Amino acid sequence: MLRWAFIFLIIALIAGAFGFYDVEAASAGIAQILFTIFLVLFLGALVIGLAIGGRLTS
């Protein structure tokens, strides 16, 4: 999912360089949404991993 966020970020940068503002705004919005979802899932997995890992080692 992070790969897709970076792909849309690149599309937004290229569209912005060529002046396609509608495409740039849409791609940047999609990239932000995907990055936020990825970040929330990562933090959730990190918390669960620390909770389970802490229980297994003690």
C-alpha atoms as a PDB file:
ATOM      1  CA  MET A   1       0.000   0.000   0.000  1.00  0.00           C
ATOM      2  CA  LEU A   2       2.890   2.336   0.687  1.00  0.00           C
ATOM      3  CA  ARG A   3       4.102   1.628  -2.857  1.00  0.00           C
ATOM      4  CA  TRP A   4       0.779   2.897  -4.236  1.00  0.00           C
ATOM      5  CA  ALA A   5       1.036   6.053  -2.121  1.00  0.00           C
ATOM      6  CA  PHE A   6       4.471   6.759  -3.606  1.00  0.00           C
ATOM      7  CA  ILE A   7       3.196   6.043  -7.139  1.00  0.00           C
ATOM      8  CA  PHE A   8       0.378   8.574  -6.723  1.00  0.00           C
ATOM      9  CA  LEU A   9       2.850  11.047  -5.210  1.00  0.00           C
ATOM     10  CA  ILE A  10       5.070  10.734  -8.299  1.00  0.00           C
ATOM     11  CA  ILE A  11       2.029  11.159 -10.564  1.00  0.00           C
ATOM     12  CA  ALA A  12       1.075  14.301  -8.615  1.00  0.00           C
ATOM     13  CA  LEU A  13       4.588  15.743  -8.935  1.00  0.00           C
ATOM     14  CA  ILE A  14       4.741  15.066 -12.686  1.00  0.00           C
ATOM     15  CA  ALA A  15       1.231  16.472 -13.225  1.00  0.00           C
ATOM     16  CA  GLY A  16       2.162  19.554 -11.201  1.00  0.00           C
ATOM     17  CA  ALA A  17       5.303  20.082 -13.287  1.00  0.00           C
ATOM     18  CA  PHE A  18       3.252  20.017 -16.487  1.00  0.00           C
ATOM     19  CA  GLY A  19       0.450  22.185 -15.094  1.00  0.00           C
ATOM     20  CA  PHE A  20      -2.343  19.604 -14.846  1.00  0.00           C
ATOM     21  CA  TYR A  21      -3.688  20.961 -11.564  1.00  0.00           C
ATOM     22  CA  ASP A  22      -6.820  18.789 -11.384  1.00  0.00           C
ATOM     23  CA  VAL A  23      -4.814  15.592 -11.862  1.00  0.00           C
ATOM     24  CA  GLU A  24      -2.209  16.832  -9.387  1.00  0.00           C
ATOM     25  CA  ALA A  25      -4.818  17.543  -6.710  1.00  0.00           C
ATOM     26  CA  ALA A  26      -6.557  14.204  -7.182  1.00  0.00           C
ATOM     27  CA  SER A  27      -3.305  12.225  -7.138  1.00  0.00           C
ATOM     28  CA  ALA A  28      -1.993  14.076  -4.103  1.00  0.00           C
ATOM     29  CA  GLY A  29      -5.271  13.449  -2.278  1.00  0.00           C
ATOM     30  CA  ILE A  30      -5.158   9.732  -3.057  1.00  0.00           C
ATOM     31  CA  ALA A  31      -1.515   9.566  -1.957  1.00  0.00           C
ATOM     32  CA  GLN A  32      -2.361  11.240   1.360  1.00  0.00           C
ATOM     33  CA  ILE A  33      -5.265   8.888   2.009  1.00  0.00           C
ATOM     34  CA  LEU A  34      -3.220   5.774   1.205  1.00  0.00           C
ATOM     35  CA  PHE A  35      -0.301   6.962   3.338  1.00  0.00           C
ATOM     36  CA  THR A  36      -2.634   7.660   6.270  1.00  0.00           C
ATOM     37  CA  ILE A  37      -4.187   4.193   5.980  1.00  0.00           C
ATOM     38  CA  PHE A  38      -0.719   2.633   5.789  1.00  0.00           C
ATOM     39  CA  LEU A  39       0.450   4.589   8.839  1.00  0.00           C
ATOM     40  CA  VAL A  40      -2.592   3.572  10.915  1.00  0.00           C
ATOM     41  CA  LEU A  41      -2.177  -0.099   9.950  1.00  0.00           C
ATOM     42  CA  PHE A  42       1.555   0.036  10.725  1.00  0.00           C
ATOM     43  CA  LEU A  43       1.010   1.578  14.151  1.00  0.00           C
ATOM     44  CA  GLY A  44      -1.721  -0.956  14.937  1.00  0.00           C
ATOM     45  CA  ALA A  45       0.538  -3.847  13.941  1.00  0.00           C
ATOM     46  CA  LEU A  46       3.375  -2.356  15.984  1.00  0.00           C
ATOM     47  CA  VAL A  47       1.235  -2.070  19.121  1.00  0.00           C
ATOM     48  CA  ILE A  48      -0.148  -5.593  18.716  1.00  0.00           C
ATOM     49  CA  GLY A  49       3.332  -6.964  18.029  1.00  0.00           C
ATOM     50  CA  LEU A  50       4.751  -5.309  21.138  1.00  0.00           C
ATOM     51  CA  ALA A  51       1.848  -6.566  23.257  1.00  0.00           C
ATOM     52  CA  ILE A  52       2.174 -10.160  22.031  1.00  0.00           C
ATOM     53  CA  GLY A  53       5.968 -10.079  22.002  1.00  0.00           C
ATOM     54  CA  GLY A  54       6.120  -8.777  25.538  1.00  0.00           C
ATOM     55  CA  ARG A  55       3.835 -11.540  26.709  1.00  0.00           C
ATOM     56  CA  LEU A  56       5.801 -14.308  24.982  1.00  0.00           C
ATOM     57  CA  THR A  57       9.211 -13.347  26.374  1.00  0.00           C
ATOM     58  CA  SER A  58       8.224 -12.972  30.024  1.00  0.00           C
END
